[in-house]
Amino acid sequence: MTSLALRPSLQRLRRRRVLRRRRRRRADVSAELVSVAGAVGSPVVDASGKRIGRLHDLVVQWGAGDAHPALHGALVRVRHTTTFLPVAAIVDLMADRLEAAGPLISIPAGRPVGLVALAHDVLDRQVVDVDGADVDRISDLLLARLPDGFRLVGADVSGRTLLRRLGPPSLRRRVASDRIYDWASVAAVSVRRPGEAGSVLQLTDAAERLRELGPADLHLLLQDLPPHERAQIDRRMGGGPAP
């Protein structure tokens, strides 16, 4: 590979000059944080501490007007089946385990519209950040323990975190507080459809703030997205066909 292959294209250099005028909003890290990438695969135990399964994923309620989606439940792997554990049956969620209130009740793992499995649907997908004016790939998602329960509060898009996930469990669970950006600044995220390889762009309330960029800057910002996802944002913004 030549050194030229490592250099950013002129388009990307132009995009950086035009768009990198604002800093991403840092998430409030005063609360206890749990890494989604680190938690997945950890044991699920009952009130006595007995292992009853393995954490397969964490599910949030994706509701309009909610900048920090609430934890709705967990997908737990037991032998060769996956069951849904509602949030009311979760006693505690920690970096290295999840404690359930009692024995697992077999509930189908299918998810209605509005529920998102963070590891399967969102992790490693592209995200449009309106504060940082950039498109990045999500390396990790962070849940915080707040007075009203666990909520999705931030995303980590750094390459160092992506490499951290290749290490042992103790390393995967570490949270780099200086690299966590507020989920409220996410304008759109590419979400994997359940059971499919394709994706659909999920817009948030922050998407309306993309109007502040203007058509030319918006096009530069979104050029890394697939054409069908760019078209979805363009329709939301009230423009014509996506370039």
Protein backbone atom coordinates (compact mmCIF):
# COMPACT_ATOMS: atom_id res chain seq x y z
CA MET A 1 0.00 0.00 0.00
CA THR A 2 1.43 3.36 -0.99
CA SER A 3 1.40 6.45 1.19
CA LEU A 4 -1.13 7.98 -1.21
CA ALA A 5 -3.63 5.31 -0.24
CA LEU A 6 -3.50 6.52 3.35
CA ARG A 7 -4.22 10.14 2.50
CA PRO A 8 -7.78 11.48 2.72
CA SER A 9 -9.43 12.40 -0.57
CA LEU A 10 -9.80 16.04 -1.59
CA GLN A 11 -13.54 15.71 -1.00
CA ARG A 12 -13.00 14.62 2.58
CA LEU A 13 -10.46 17.41 3.17
CA ARG A 14 -13.00 19.91 1.86
CA ARG A 15 -15.69 18.39 4.03
CA ARG A 16 -13.52 18.74 7.11
CA ARG A 17 -12.79 22.40 6.39
CA VAL A 18 -16.47 23.17 5.77
CA LEU A 19 -18.09 21.14 8.51
CA ARG A 20 -15.71 20.80 11.44
CA ARG A 21 -16.72 24.10 12.97
CA ARG A 22 -18.31 22.75 16.12
CA ARG A 23 -17.26 20.36 18.86
CA ARG A 24 -19.30 17.32 19.77
CA ARG A 25 -21.31 17.65 22.94
CA ARG A 26 -19.72 15.48 25.61
CA ALA A 27 -22.03 13.19 27.54
CA ASP A 28 -22.53 13.68 31.28
CA VAL A 29 -20.32 10.94 32.73
CA SER A 30 -21.05 11.63 36.39
CA ALA A 31 -23.48 8.67 36.45
CA GLU A 32 -22.42 5.01 36.47
CA LEU A 33 -21.87 3.88 32.88
CA VAL A 34 -22.16 0.46 31.27
CA SER A 35 -20.52 -0.36 27.93
CA VAL A 36 -22.90 -2.23 25.63
CA ALA A 37 -20.01 -3.84 23.73
CA GLY A 38 -18.48 -4.95 27.03
CA ALA A 39 -21.70 -6.17 28.63
CA VAL A 40 -22.79 -8.43 25.77
CA GLY A 41 -21.70 -11.99 26.47
CA SER A 42 -21.53 -11.52 30.23
CA PRO A 43 -23.39 -13.89 32.59
CA VAL A 44 -27.00 -13.42 33.64
CA VAL A 45 -27.58 -14.54 37.24
CA ASP A 46 -30.60 -14.92 39.49
CA ALA A 47 -31.04 -13.40 42.97
CA SER A 48 -28.94 -16.19 44.53
CA GLY A 49 -26.05 -15.56 42.14
CA LYS A 50 -26.64 -18.72 40.10
CA ARG A 51 -25.87 -18.36 36.42
CA ILE A 52 -29.02 -18.80 34.32
CA GLY A 53 -27.94 -17.53 30.93
CA ARG A 54 -25.77 -15.17 28.93
CA LEU A 55 -26.54 -11.58 27.98
CA HIS A 56 -27.18 -11.53 24.25
CA ASP A 57 -28.28 -7.91 23.83
CA LEU A 58 -29.82 -4.86 25.51
CA VAL A 59 -33.08 -3.43 24.19
CA VAL A 60 -34.16 0.22 24.41
CA GLN A 61 -37.47 1.94 23.75
CA TRP A 62 -36.96 4.14 20.70
CA GLY A 63 -39.56 6.84 21.30
CA ALA A 64 -40.09 10.23 19.68
CA GLY A 65 -39.13 13.17 21.86
CA ASP A 66 -36.80 11.08 24.04
CA ALA A 67 -33.20 12.23 23.61
CA HIS A 68 -31.93 9.38 25.83
CA PRO A 69 -33.93 6.18 25.14
CA ALA A 70 -34.83 4.11 28.19
CA LEU A 71 -33.76 0.50 28.71
CA HIS A 72 -36.74 -1.71 27.90
CA GLY A 73 -35.26 -5.12 28.60
CA ALA A 74 -32.60 -7.64 27.68
CA LEU A 75 -32.23 -10.58 25.32
CA VAL A 76 -30.84 -13.57 27.22
CA ARG A 77 -29.30 -16.62 25.59
CA VAL A 78 -30.08 -19.91 27.33
CA ARG A 79 -28.53 -22.91 25.62
CA HIS A 80 -29.79 -22.67 22.03
CA THR A 81 -32.69 -20.28 22.59
CA THR A 82 -33.03 -16.55 23.17
CA THR A 83 -35.65 -15.15 25.53
CA PHE A 84 -36.71 -11.60 26.35
CA LEU A 85 -36.26 -10.30 29.89
CA PRO A 86 -38.36 -7.15 30.54
CA VAL A 87 -36.78 -4.30 32.44
CA ALA A 88 -39.16 -4.88 35.38
CA ALA A 89 -37.47 -8.28 35.88
CA ILE A 90 -33.95 -6.80 35.89
CA VAL A 91 -32.63 -6.19 39.39
CA ASP A 92 -29.31 -4.72 38.31
CA LEU A 93 -27.12 -4.23 35.26
CA MET A 94 -23.38 -4.10 35.82
CA ALA A 95 -20.37 -4.00 33.54
CA ASP A 96 -19.71 -7.73 33.95
CA ARG A 97 -23.15 -9.25 34.66
CA LEU A 98 -26.89 -8.78 34.72
CA GLU A 99 -28.96 -9.81 37.76
CA ALA A 100 -32.50 -11.04 37.14
CA ALA A 101 -35.28 -10.96 39.71
CA GLY A 102 -35.92 -14.70 39.45
CA PRO A 103 -36.06 -17.64 37.05
CA LEU A 104 -36.36 -16.77 33.38
CA ILE A 105 -39.81 -16.96 31.85
CA SER A 106 -39.76 -17.96 28.19
CA ILE A 107 -40.90 -14.88 26.25
CA PRO A 108 -40.39 -14.78 22.47
CA ALA A 109 -37.42 -12.64 21.52
CA GLY A 110 -39.17 -10.87 18.64
CA ARG A 111 -39.25 -7.09 18.92
CA PRO A 112 -42.18 -4.80 18.10
CA VAL A 113 -41.66 -1.56 16.18
CA GLY A 114 -40.00 1.03 18.40
CA LEU A 115 -37.73 -1.40 20.23
CA VAL A 116 -34.07 -1.51 19.24
CA ALA A 117 -31.48 -4.14 20.20
CA LEU A 118 -28.38 -2.02 20.65
CA ALA A 119 -25.61 -4.51 19.88
CA HIS A 120 -27.30 -6.15 16.89
CA ASP A 121 -29.10 -3.16 15.39
CA VAL A 122 -26.90 -0.15 16.19
CA LEU A 123 -23.34 -1.12 17.16
CA ASP A 124 -20.88 -0.69 14.26
CA ARG A 125 -23.48 1.19 12.21
CA GLN A 126 -23.09 4.73 10.91
CA VAL A 127 -24.29 7.71 12.88
CA VAL A 128 -24.89 11.32 11.83
CA ASP A 129 -23.75 13.64 14.60
CA VAL A 130 -25.27 17.11 14.29
CA ASP A 131 -23.06 18.79 16.90
CA GLY A 132 -19.78 17.51 15.49
CA ALA A 133 -21.14 17.79 11.92
CA ASP A 134 -19.77 14.42 10.90
CA VAL A 135 -20.68 10.86 9.92
CA ASP A 136 -18.93 8.19 11.98
CA ARG A 137 -19.16 4.51 12.79
CA ILE A 138 -20.28 3.61 16.31
CA SER A 139 -17.58 1.74 18.23
CA ASP A 140 -19.54 1.49 21.48
CA LEU A 141 -22.79 2.59 23.13
CA LEU A 142 -23.07 3.66 26.74
CA LEU A 143 -25.95 3.23 29.17
CA ALA A 144 -26.10 5.28 32.38
CA ARG A 145 -27.78 4.46 35.65
CA LEU A 146 -30.08 7.47 36.22
CA PRO A 147 -32.76 8.08 38.89
CA ASP A 148 -35.48 6.81 36.52
CA GLY A 149 -33.50 3.76 35.38
CA PHE A 150 -30.91 2.96 32.73
CA ARG A 151 -30.87 5.10 29.61
CA LEU A 152 -28.79 5.29 26.44
CA VAL A 153 -26.73 8.43 27.02
CA GLY A 154 -23.75 8.30 24.71
CA ALA A 155 -21.80 6.87 21.81
CA ASP A 156 -18.11 6.28 21.31
CA VAL A 157 -16.87 6.51 17.70
CA SER A 158 -13.13 6.23 18.27
CA GLY A 159 -10.91 3.69 16.54
CA ARG A 160 -9.13 2.95 19.82
CA THR A 161 -12.40 1.68 21.30
CA LEU A 162 -12.90 -0.56 18.27
CA LEU A 163 -9.48 -2.10 18.93
CA ARG A 164 -10.30 -2.40 22.66
CA ARG A 165 -13.18 -4.70 21.76
CA LEU A 166 -10.71 -7.22 20.31
CA GLY A 167 -9.12 -7.70 23.72
CA PRO A 168 -10.11 -9.75 26.79
CA PRO A 169 -13.45 -9.10 28.58
CA SER A 170 -11.83 -6.89 31.23
CA LEU A 171 -10.52 -4.59 28.49
CA ARG A 172 -13.79 -4.59 26.49
CA ARG A 173 -15.70 -3.34 29.55
CA ARG A 174 -13.56 -0.27 30.09
CA VAL A 175 -15.25 3.06 29.39
CA ALA A 176 -13.18 5.96 28.03
CA SER A 177 -15.13 8.90 29.46
CA ASP A 178 -13.21 11.43 27.35
CA ARG A 179 -14.48 9.79 24.14
CA ILE A 180 -18.20 9.62 24.96
CA TYR A 181 -20.50 11.96 23.06
CA ASP A 182 -24.05 12.83 24.03
CA TRP A 183 -26.67 10.70 22.30
CA ALA A 184 -28.91 13.79 22.20
CA SER A 185 -26.65 15.18 19.43
CA VAL A 186 -27.35 12.19 17.15
CA ALA A 187 -29.48 13.30 14.21
CA ALA A 188 -29.73 9.91 12.52
CA VAL A 189 -28.41 6.39 12.93
CA SER A 190 -28.31 3.50 10.48
CA VAL A 191 -30.23 0.68 12.17
CA ARG A 192 -30.01 -2.95 11.09
CA ARG A 193 -33.41 -4.51 10.50
CA PRO A 194 -34.17 -7.53 12.74
CA GLY A 195 -33.25 -10.72 10.93
CA GLU A 196 -31.87 -8.91 7.88
CA ALA A 197 -28.50 -7.72 6.64
CA GLY A 198 -29.89 -4.43 5.30
CA SER A 199 -30.39 -1.23 7.21
CA VAL A 200 -32.78 1.67 7.51
CA LEU A 201 -31.92 5.18 8.62
CA GLN A 202 -33.55 6.04 11.95
CA LEU A 203 -34.02 9.80 12.33
CA THR A 204 -34.24 11.51 15.72
CA ASP A 205 -35.58 14.84 16.90
CA ALA A 206 -32.10 16.29 16.44
CA ALA A 207 -32.44 15.72 12.68
CA GLU A 208 -34.25 19.03 12.37
CA ARG A 209 -31.04 20.77 13.38
CA LEU A 210 -29.43 19.58 10.15
CA ARG A 211 -31.30 22.44 8.47
CA GLU A 212 -28.80 24.81 10.06
CA LEU A 213 -26.06 23.42 7.81
CA GLY A 214 -27.62 24.50 4.51
CA PRO A 215 -27.99 22.29 1.38
CA ALA A 216 -24.34 22.37 0.28
CA ASP A 217 -22.89 21.53 3.69
CA LEU A 218 -25.58 18.90 4.25
CA HIS A 219 -24.58 17.15 1.02
CA LEU A 220 -20.91 17.11 2.08
CA LEU A 221 -21.84 15.77 5.49
CA LEU A 222 -23.96 12.90 4.17
CA GLN A 223 -21.79 11.77 1.26
CA ASP A 224 -20.50 8.74 3.22
CA LEU A 225 -24.03 7.36 3.67
CA PRO A 226 -25.56 4.92 1.16
CA PRO A 227 -27.77 6.69 -1.45
CA HIS A 228 -31.05 5.36 -0.02
CA GLU A 229 -30.15 6.69 3.44
CA ARG A 230 -29.15 10.09 2.06
CA ALA A 231 -32.52 10.21 0.30
CA GLN A 232 -34.36 9.55 3.58
CA ILE A 233 -32.71 12.55 5.24
CA ASP A 234 -33.29 14.69 2.17
CA ARG A 235 -37.02 13.89 2.24
CA ARG A 236 -37.14 14.68 5.95
CA MET A 237 -35.44 18.01 5.32
CA GLY A 238 -37.98 18.84 2.61
CA GLY A 239 -35.52 18.97 -0.29
CA GLY A 240 -35.60 17.42 -3.73
CA PRO A 241 -33.94 14.20 -4.83
CA ALA A 242 -30.70 13.42 -3.02
CA PRO A 243 -27.57 14.27 -5.05
